[in-house]
Amino acid sequence: MRPGTLEDVPVLVRHRHAMWSELRAWPERLLAPADAAYRPWLLRKLASGEIEPFLVFRGSEVAGSGCLWWREELPRPDLTGRHSPYIFAMYTEPRFRRRGVARRIVRAMIRRARAGGAGRVLLHASTDGRPVYARLGFARTREMRLELKPRGTDRARRGRGRGGSPPSARARSGRGRPRSRSPRPGRSARSGRS
């Protein structure tokens, strides 16, 4: 195993592409632009030292890789360091799976995070990765997320009322008239139930 360098960017991008393809079966029309955006972002973060990649080799082949991102943390009472390193883009080539490749990478990242003064390490685990991370001491957290979809998608419309546009836009267009609050037939006005 060795730390990654700028020369490893093609492998790191390929591994992240494969990771997304396997996790979510994303179509190529979405993966290719993501790769194109990820490559310069990764180069900038590597050059600044914010990201440290780790690669494991079997012979001359790269068996797996992952990245440690030194994300600056919002100050809070239970935080011992300035950063909470984030593990991402973990990928093991299929023919090298179940041979401890991911475990070696994560252990190296944990050692590096400790040496860098971090008080904790974060990651998002795939279903297949959860047992590996659990054996290394990672625990599930209570993190929540809200996906903000672009306008025009079904999910975005659900939270915005009729027409999919914000209330102020509906009012300007004349579609913002309030709905009647009278109960539906067969329901009492007080409880809304029959």
C-alpha atoms as a PDB file:
ATOM      1  CA  MET A   1       0.000   0.000   0.000  1.00  0.00           C
ATOM      2  CA  ARG A   2       1.076   3.553  -0.622  1.00  0.00           C
ATOM      3  CA  PRO A   3      -0.331   7.085  -0.461  1.00  0.00           C
ATOM      4  CA  GLY A   4      -1.744   8.321  -3.753  1.00  0.00           C
ATOM      5  CA  THR A   5      -0.306  11.120  -5.854  1.00  0.00           C
ATOM      6  CA  LEU A   6      -1.490  13.365  -8.660  1.00  0.00           C
ATOM      7  CA  GLU A   7      -0.408  10.641 -11.093  1.00  0.00           C
ATOM      8  CA  ASP A   8      -3.034   8.331  -9.585  1.00  0.00           C
ATOM      9  CA  VAL A   9      -5.966  10.586 -10.496  1.00  0.00           C
ATOM     10  CA  PRO A  10      -7.006   8.486 -13.542  1.00  0.00           C
ATOM     11  CA  VAL A  11      -7.244   5.354 -11.343  1.00  0.00           C
ATOM     12  CA  LEU A  12      -9.075   7.237  -8.581  1.00  0.00           C
ATOM     13  CA  VAL A  13     -11.610   8.641 -11.060  1.00  0.00           C
ATOM     14  CA  ARG A  14     -12.094   5.203 -12.636  1.00  0.00           C
ATOM     15  CA  HIS A  15     -12.617   3.615  -9.224  1.00  0.00           C
ATOM     16  CA  ARG A  16     -15.154   6.243  -8.173  1.00  0.00           C
ATOM     17  CA  HIS A  17     -16.981   5.779 -11.478  1.00  0.00           C
ATOM     18  CA  ALA A  18     -17.123   2.018 -10.888  1.00  0.00           C
ATOM     19  CA  MET A  19     -18.262   2.549  -7.288  1.00  0.00           C
ATOM     20  CA  TRP A  20     -21.228   4.696  -8.373  1.00  0.00           C
ATOM     21  CA  SER A  21     -22.055   2.341 -11.214  1.00  0.00           C
ATOM     22  CA  GLU A  22     -22.220  -0.628  -8.839  1.00  0.00           C
ATOM     23  CA  LEU A  23     -23.982   1.144  -5.967  1.00  0.00           C
ATOM     24  CA  ARG A  24     -26.810   2.768  -7.853  1.00  0.00           C
ATOM     25  CA  ALA A  25     -26.549   1.492 -11.426  1.00  0.00           C
ATOM     26  CA  TRP A  26     -26.316   5.099 -12.617  1.00  0.00           C
ATOM     27  CA  PRO A  27     -26.523   5.432 -16.413  1.00  0.00           C
ATOM     28  CA  GLU A  28     -23.416   6.485 -18.304  1.00  0.00           C
ATOM     29  CA  ARG A  29     -25.112   9.748 -19.344  1.00  0.00           C
ATOM     30  CA  LEU A  30     -24.940  10.797 -15.659  1.00  0.00           C
ATOM     31  CA  LEU A  31     -21.623   9.184 -14.741  1.00  0.00           C
ATOM     32  CA  ALA A  32     -19.537  10.745 -17.514  1.00  0.00           C
ATOM     33  CA  PRO A  33     -20.343  14.381 -16.586  1.00  0.00           C
ATOM     34  CA  ALA A  34     -19.813  13.523 -12.900  1.00  0.00           C
ATOM     35  CA  ASP A  35     -16.357  12.147 -13.755  1.00  0.00           C
ATOM     36  CA  ALA A  36     -15.566  15.282 -15.763  1.00  0.00           C
ATOM     37  CA  ALA A  37     -16.476  17.470 -12.759  1.00  0.00           C
ATOM     38  CA  TYR A  38     -14.769  15.202 -10.204  1.00  0.00           C
ATOM     39  CA  ARG A  39     -11.373  15.110 -11.952  1.00  0.00           C
ATOM     40  CA  PRO A  40     -10.517  18.849 -11.606  1.00  0.00           C
ATOM     41  CA  TRP A  41     -12.063  18.975  -8.117  1.00  0.00           C
ATOM     42  CA  LEU A  42      -9.906  16.050  -7.023  1.00  0.00           C
ATOM     43  CA  LEU A  43      -6.783  17.579  -8.576  1.00  0.00           C
ATOM     44  CA  ARG A  44      -7.364  20.839  -6.647  1.00  0.00           C
ATOM     45  CA  LYS A  45      -7.984  19.035  -3.354  1.00  0.00           C
ATOM     46  CA  LEU A  46      -4.940  16.792  -3.821  1.00  0.00           C
ATOM     47  CA  ALA A  47      -2.720  19.771  -4.642  1.00  0.00           C
ATOM     48  CA  SER A  48      -3.930  21.600  -1.519  1.00  0.00           C
ATOM     49  CA  GLY A  49      -3.414  18.547   0.716  1.00  0.00           C
ATOM     50  CA  GLU A  50      -7.100  18.426   1.694  1.00  0.00           C
ATOM     51  CA  ILE A  51      -7.434  14.935   0.251  1.00  0.00           C
ATOM     52  CA  GLU A  52      -5.086  12.023   0.789  1.00  0.00           C
ATOM     53  CA  PRO A  53      -5.684   8.942  -1.366  1.00  0.00           C
ATOM     54  CA  PHE A  54      -4.535   5.458  -0.407  1.00  0.00           C
ATOM     55  CA  LEU A  55      -3.956   2.624  -2.870  1.00  0.00           C
ATOM     56  CA  VAL A  56      -3.409  -1.083  -2.279  1.00  0.00           C
ATOM     57  CA  PHE A  57      -1.532  -3.137  -4.860  1.00  0.00           C
ATOM     58  CA  ARG A  58      -1.450  -6.824  -5.636  1.00  0.00           C
ATOM     59  CA  GLY A  59       1.702  -7.185  -7.674  1.00  0.00           C
ATOM     60  CA  SER A  60       1.684  -4.268 -10.098  1.00  0.00           C
ATOM     61  CA  GLU A  61      -2.121  -3.982 -10.185  1.00  0.00           C
ATOM     62  CA  VAL A  62      -4.143  -1.519  -8.140  1.00  0.00           C
ATOM     63  CA  ALA A  63      -6.447  -3.736  -6.065  1.00  0.00           C
ATOM     64  CA  GLY A  64      -8.342  -0.932  -4.356  1.00  0.00           C
ATOM     65  CA  SER A  65      -8.328   2.697  -3.367  1.00  0.00           C
ATOM     66  CA  GLY A  66      -9.997   5.224  -1.125  1.00  0.00           C
ATOM     67  CA  CYS A  67      -9.641   8.849  -0.152  1.00  0.00           C
ATOM     68  CA  LEU A  68      -9.425  10.700   3.145  1.00  0.00           C
ATOM     69  CA  TRP A  69     -10.801  14.242   2.954  1.00  0.00           C
ATOM     70  CA  TRP A  70      -9.707  16.613   5.704  1.00  0.00           C
ATOM     71  CA  ARG A  71     -13.014  18.474   5.969  1.00  0.00           C
ATOM     72  CA  GLU A  72     -12.984  21.447   8.281  1.00  0.00           C
ATOM     73  CA  GLU A  73     -15.502  20.967  11.042  1.00  0.00           C
ATOM     74  CA  LEU A  74     -17.907  23.494  12.475  1.00  0.00           C
ATOM     75  CA  PRO A  75     -16.679  24.298  16.010  1.00  0.00           C
ATOM     76  CA  ARG A  76     -18.682  22.460  18.683  1.00  0.00           C
ATOM     77  CA  PRO A  77     -18.203  21.351  22.296  1.00  0.00           C
ATOM     78  CA  ASP A  78     -17.466  17.668  21.586  1.00  0.00           C
ATOM     79  CA  LEU A  79     -14.937  18.242  18.802  1.00  0.00           C
ATOM     80  CA  THR A  80     -11.285  17.750  19.730  1.00  0.00           C
ATOM     81  CA  GLY A  81      -9.698  18.751  16.422  1.00  0.00           C
ATOM     82  CA  ARG A  82     -10.326  21.275  13.652  1.00  0.00           C
ATOM     83  CA  HIS A  83     -11.122  18.586  11.118  1.00  0.00           C
ATOM     84  CA  SER A  84     -13.334  15.527  10.902  1.00  0.00           C
ATOM     85  CA  PRO A  85     -11.732  13.490   8.143  1.00  0.00           C
ATOM     86  CA  TYR A  86     -14.218  11.916   5.772  1.00  0.00           C
ATOM     87  CA  ILE A  87     -13.552   8.597   4.025  1.00  0.00           C
ATOM     88  CA  PHE A  88     -14.982   8.439   0.519  1.00  0.00           C
ATOM     89  CA  ALA A  89     -14.620   6.785  -2.874  1.00  0.00           C
ATOM     90  CA  MET A  90     -13.724   3.410  -1.404  1.00  0.00           C
ATOM     91  CA  TYR A  91     -13.455   0.825  -4.142  1.00  0.00           C
ATOM     92  CA  THR A  92     -11.959  -2.645  -4.480  1.00  0.00           C
ATOM     93  CA  GLU A  93     -11.551  -4.287  -7.858  1.00  0.00           C
ATOM     94  CA  PRO A  94     -13.969  -7.257  -8.063  1.00  0.00           C
ATOM     95  CA  ARG A  95     -11.254  -9.914  -8.394  1.00  0.00           C
ATOM     96  CA  PHE A  96      -9.586  -8.678  -5.161  1.00  0.00           C
ATOM     97  CA  ARG A  97     -12.688  -8.498  -2.966  1.00  0.00           C
ATOM     98  CA  ARG A  98     -12.973 -10.433   0.299  1.00  0.00           C
ATOM     99  CA  ARG A  99      -9.191 -10.327   0.687  1.00  0.00           C
ATOM    100  CA  GLY A 100      -8.855  -7.489   3.209  1.00  0.00           C
ATOM    101  CA  VAL A 101      -8.093  -4.718   0.707  1.00  0.00           C
ATOM    102  CA  ALA A 102     -10.718  -2.277   2.023  1.00  0.00           C
ATOM    103  CA  ARG A 103      -9.805  -3.085   5.622  1.00  0.00           C
ATOM    104  CA  ARG A 104      -6.140  -2.246   4.956  1.00  0.00           C
ATOM    105  CA  ILE A 105      -7.072   1.064   3.364  1.00  0.00           C
ATOM    106  CA  VAL A 106      -9.458   2.080   6.158  1.00  0.00           C
ATOM    107  CA  ARG A 107      -6.976   1.112   8.875  1.00  0.00           C
ATOM    108  CA  ALA A 108      -4.319   3.261   7.183  1.00  0.00           C
ATOM    109  CA  MET A 109      -6.785   6.165   7.024  1.00  0.00           C
ATOM    110  CA  ILE A 110      -7.668   5.795  10.701  1.00  0.00           C
ATOM    111  CA  ARG A 111      -3.959   5.841  11.633  1.00  0.00           C
ATOM    112  CA  ARG A 112      -3.445   8.919   9.464  1.00  0.00           C
ATOM    113  CA  ALA A 113      -6.465  10.693  11.009  1.00  0.00           C
ATOM    114  CA  ARG A 114      -5.161   9.988  14.533  1.00  0.00           C
ATOM    115  CA  ALA A 115      -1.693  11.202  13.602  1.00  0.00           C
ATOM    116  CA  GLY A 116      -3.277  14.377  12.192  1.00  0.00           C
ATOM    117  CA  GLY A 117      -5.050  15.103  15.493  1.00  0.00           C
ATOM    118  CA  ALA A 118      -8.586  14.218  14.412  1.00  0.00           C
ATOM    119  CA  GLY A 119     -11.070  13.204  17.079  1.00  0.00           C
ATOM    120  CA  ARG A 120     -13.237  11.141  14.755  1.00  0.00           C
ATOM    121  CA  VAL A 121     -13.544   9.843  11.199  1.00  0.00           C
ATOM    122  CA  LEU A 122     -16.752   9.929   9.178  1.00  0.00           C
ATOM    123  CA  LEU A 123     -18.039   7.983   6.180  1.00  0.00           C
ATOM    124  CA  HIS A 124     -21.181   6.839   4.410  1.00  0.00           C
ATOM    125  CA  ALA A 125     -21.292   3.076   4.117  1.00  0.00           C
ATOM    126  CA  SER A 126     -22.747   0.940   1.378  1.00  0.00           C
ATOM    127  CA  THR A 127     -24.662  -2.158   2.405  1.00  0.00           C
ATOM    128  CA  ASP A 128     -21.660  -4.335   1.508  1.00  0.00           C
ATOM    129  CA  GLY A 129     -19.253  -2.024   3.332  1.00  0.00           C
ATOM    130  CA  ARG A 130     -21.143  -1.796   6.639  1.00  0.00           C
ATOM    131  CA  PRO A 131     -19.756  -5.033   8.133  1.00  0.00           C
ATOM    132  CA  VAL A 132     -16.175  -4.001   7.271  1.00  0.00           C
ATOM    133  CA  TYR A 133     -16.590  -0.611   8.936  1.00  0.00           C
ATOM    134  CA  ALA A 134     -18.449  -2.041  11.947  1.00  0.00           C
ATOM    135  CA  ARG A 135     -15.588  -4.486  12.622  1.00  0.00           C
ATOM    136  CA  LEU A 136     -13.215  -1.500  12.606  1.00  0.00           C
ATOM    137  CA  GLY A 137     -15.281   0.309  15.246  1.00  0.00           C
ATOM    138  CA  PHE A 138     -17.523   2.582  13.167  1.00  0.00           C
ATOM    139  CA  ALA A 139     -21.052   3.110  14.496  1.00  0.00           C
ATOM    140  CA  ARG A 140     -24.229   4.278  12.767  1.00  0.00           C
ATOM    141  CA  THR A 141     -25.259   7.878  13.438  1.00  0.00           C
ATOM    142  CA  ARG A 142     -28.519   9.801  13.328  1.00  0.00           C
ATOM    143  CA  GLU A 143     -27.712  11.810  10.210  1.00  0.00           C
ATOM    144  CA  MET A 144     -30.686  12.853   8.078  1.00  0.00           C
ATOM    145  CA  ARG A 145     -30.874  14.268   4.582  1.00  0.00           C
ATOM    146  CA  LEU A 146     -33.335  16.121   2.397  1.00  0.00           C
ATOM    147  CA  GLU A 147     -32.833  15.835  -1.360  1.00  0.00           C
ATOM    148  CA  LEU A 148     -33.537  19.155  -3.072  1.00  0.00           C
ATOM    149  CA  LYS A 149     -34.535  18.170  -6.582  1.00  0.00           C
ATOM    150  CA  PRO A 150     -34.443  20.602  -9.519  1.00  0.00           C
ATOM    151  CA  ARG A 151     -37.684  22.320 -10.474  1.00  0.00           C
ATOM    152  CA  GLY A 152     -40.016  20.294 -12.581  1.00  0.00           C
ATOM    153  CA  THR A 153     -39.342  16.941 -10.970  1.00  0.00           C
ATOM    154  CA  ASP A 154     -42.158  15.096  -9.251  1.00  0.00           C
ATOM    155  CA  ARG A 155     -40.439  15.084  -5.875  1.00  0.00           C
ATOM    156  CA  ALA A 156     -39.866  18.850  -5.966  1.00  0.00           C
ATOM    157  CA  ARG A 157     -43.531  19.456  -6.812  1.00  0.00           C
ATOM    158  CA  ARG A 158     -44.853  17.449  -3.876  1.00  0.00           C
ATOM    159  CA  GLY A 159     -43.510  19.885  -1.308  1.00  0.00           C
ATOM    160  CA  ARG A 160     -44.500  23.039  -3.131  1.00  0.00           C
ATOM    161  CA  GLY A 161     -48.231  22.773  -3.563  1.00  0.00           C
ATOM    162  CA  ARG A 162     -50.107  23.036  -6.825  1.00  0.00           C
ATOM    163  CA  GLY A 163     -48.118  23.747  -9.968  1.00  0.00           C
ATOM    164  CA  GLY A 164     -44.682  23.052  -8.553  1.00  0.00           C
ATOM    165  CA  SER A 165     -43.739  26.719  -8.125  1.00  0.00           C
ATOM    166  CA  PRO A 166     -43.086  28.571  -4.869  1.00  0.00           C
ATOM    167  CA  PRO A 167     -46.070  30.314  -3.214  1.00  0.00           C
ATOM    168  CA  SER A 168     -44.920  33.803  -4.265  1.00  0.00           C
ATOM    169  CA  ALA A 169     -44.790  32.752  -7.928  1.00  0.00           C
ATOM    170  CA  ARG A 170     -48.278  31.242  -7.685  1.00  0.00           C
ATOM    171  CA  ALA A 171     -49.640  34.479  -6.181  1.00  0.00           C
ATOM    172  CA  ARG A 172     -48.131  36.567  -9.012  1.00  0.00           C
ATOM    173  CA  SER A 173     -49.605  34.253 -11.623  1.00  0.00           C
ATOM    174  CA  GLY A 174     -53.084  34.295 -10.095  1.00  0.00           C
ATOM    175  CA  ARG A 175     -52.880  30.596  -9.196  1.00  0.00           C
ATOM    176  CA  GLY A 176     -52.269  31.370  -5.533  1.00  0.00           C
ATOM    177  CA  ARG A 177     -55.870  31.646  -4.383  1.00  0.00           C
ATOM    178  CA  PRO A 178     -56.383  29.863  -1.071  1.00  0.00           C
ATOM    179  CA  ARG A 179     -58.400  26.664  -1.173  1.00  0.00           C
ATOM    180  CA  SER A 180     -61.659  26.473   0.687  1.00  0.00           C
ATOM    181  CA  ARG A 181     -61.317  25.042   4.191  1.00  0.00           C
ATOM    182  CA  SER A 182     -64.822  23.549   4.245  1.00  0.00           C
ATOM    183  CA  PRO A 183     -64.923  19.869   5.104  1.00  0.00           C
ATOM    184  CA  ARG A 184     -65.290  17.234   2.436  1.00  0.00           C
ATOM    185  CA  PRO A 185     -68.694  15.544   2.215  1.00  0.00           C
ATOM    186  CA  GLY A 186     -69.148  12.968   4.953  1.00  0.00           C
ATOM    187  CA  ARG A 187     -66.590  14.567   7.314  1.00  0.00           C
ATOM    188  CA  SER A 188     -67.204  16.672  10.359  1.00  0.00           C
ATOM    189  CA  ALA A 189     -65.833  20.211  10.372  1.00  0.00           C
ATOM    190  CA  ARG A 190     -64.119  19.698  13.722  1.00  0.00           C
ATOM    191  CA  SER A 191     -62.106  16.512  13.299  1.00  0.00           C
ATOM    192  CA  GLY A 192     -61.989  16.078   9.540  1.00  0.00           C
ATOM    193  CA  ARG A 193     -63.216  12.504  10.066  1.00  0.00           C
ATOM    194  CA  SER A 194     -66.586  10.912   9.474  1.00  0.00           C
END
